[in-house]
Amino acid sequence: MRLPVMLHFAWVLTVGFLLLHLAGGRDCVGVLSGTREGGVASLALGLAYTLSWFSVVLLAPPLLLAGLARLALQRRASRQQALFSSV
């Protein structure tokens, strides 16, 4: 049985955020408010980190819950189908 696409998408968002965090994106967020000096690379990394953070906080939890609910419903349906096909 395949995992729902929503679970894969939530996983990709989370891994992307972790990679940006490991790359030092959190330190570059101050560039967006003008409290730190930095070049275009710092601005891009800070913006990418901020967007990634919002996506992990706002999008990943509903995607995870919806994907787990769909997986549970698929398993339930396959069990019922197996039960009715054996009768």
Protein backbone atom coordinates (compact mmCIF):
# COMPACT_ATOMS: atom_id res chain seq x y z
CA MET A 1 0.00 0.00 0.00
CA ARG A 2 1.38 3.38 -1.02
CA LEU A 3 1.63 6.33 1.32
CA PRO A 4 -0.60 9.30 0.47
CA VAL A 5 1.00 12.18 -1.41
CA MET A 6 0.20 14.50 1.50
CA LEU A 7 2.60 12.59 3.75
CA HIS A 8 5.36 12.83 1.16
CA PHE A 9 4.77 16.56 0.75
CA ALA A 10 4.89 17.15 4.52
CA TRP A 11 8.12 15.15 4.65
CA VAL A 12 9.68 17.21 1.83
CA LEU A 13 8.73 20.48 3.56
CA THR A 14 10.26 19.32 6.82
CA VAL A 15 13.49 18.04 5.24
CA GLY A 16 13.84 21.27 3.25
CA PHE A 17 13.47 23.31 6.42
CA LEU A 18 16.04 21.21 8.24
CA LEU A 19 18.52 21.58 5.37
CA LEU A 20 18.06 25.36 5.35
CA HIS A 21 18.49 25.41 9.12
CA LEU A 22 21.72 23.43 8.86
CA ALA A 23 22.91 25.80 6.12
CA GLY A 24 22.63 28.71 8.57
CA GLY A 25 19.37 30.19 7.37
CA ARG A 26 18.29 31.15 10.87
CA ASP A 27 21.24 33.52 11.20
CA CYS A 28 20.28 35.26 7.94
CA VAL A 29 16.68 36.06 8.92
CA GLY A 30 17.82 39.36 10.48
CA VAL A 31 18.63 40.63 6.99
CA LEU A 32 14.90 40.77 6.22
CA SER A 33 14.23 43.30 8.99
CA GLY A 34 17.35 45.32 8.23
CA THR A 35 19.00 44.60 11.57
CA ARG A 36 21.94 42.77 9.95
CA GLU A 37 24.04 43.60 7.01
CA GLY A 38 24.39 41.05 4.29
CA GLY A 39 24.47 40.61 0.60
CA VAL A 40 22.06 39.09 -1.82
CA ALA A 41 23.01 35.58 -0.72
CA SER A 42 22.07 36.33 2.90
CA LEU A 43 18.83 37.91 1.79
CA ALA A 44 17.94 34.89 -0.35
CA LEU A 45 18.84 32.42 2.40
CA GLY A 46 16.90 34.41 5.01
CA LEU A 47 13.85 34.63 2.77
CA ALA A 48 14.01 30.93 1.90
CA TYR A 49 14.37 30.02 5.58
CA THR A 50 11.42 32.22 6.57
CA LEU A 51 9.15 30.80 3.87
CA SER A 52 10.25 27.30 4.77
CA TRP A 53 9.56 27.92 8.45
CA PHE A 54 6.05 29.19 7.71
CA SER A 55 5.37 26.21 5.47
CA VAL A 56 6.51 23.75 8.14
CA VAL A 57 4.49 25.48 10.85
CA LEU A 58 1.32 26.16 8.84
CA LEU A 59 1.19 23.51 6.09
CA ALA A 60 2.98 20.41 7.34
CA PRO A 61 0.73 19.61 10.36
CA PRO A 62 -2.57 19.63 8.40
CA LEU A 63 -0.93 17.68 5.58
CA LEU A 64 0.38 15.15 8.06
CA LEU A 65 -3.00 14.74 9.75
CA ALA A 66 -4.86 14.49 6.45
CA GLY A 67 -2.36 11.97 5.10
CA LEU A 68 -2.58 9.81 8.22
CA ALA A 69 -6.38 9.95 8.13
CA ARG A 70 -6.39 8.93 4.48
CA LEU A 71 -3.97 6.09 5.20
CA ALA A 72 -6.20 4.85 8.03
CA LEU A 73 -9.27 4.98 5.78
CA GLN A 74 -7.45 3.11 3.01
CA ARG A 75 -6.38 0.38 5.41
CA ARG A 76 -9.90 0.12 6.80
CA ALA A 77 -11.38 -0.14 3.31
CA SER A 78 -8.88 -2.81 2.27
CA ARG A 79 -9.65 -4.83 5.41
CA GLN A 80 -13.37 -4.60 4.80
CA GLN A 81 -12.90 -5.59 1.19
CA ALA A 82 -10.81 -8.60 2.24
CA LEU A 83 -13.44 -9.55 4.81
CA PHE A 84 -16.32 -9.36 2.31
CA SER A 85 -14.39 -11.15 -0.44
CA SER A 86 -13.68 -14.12 1.85
CA VAL A 87 -17.38 -14.57 2.73
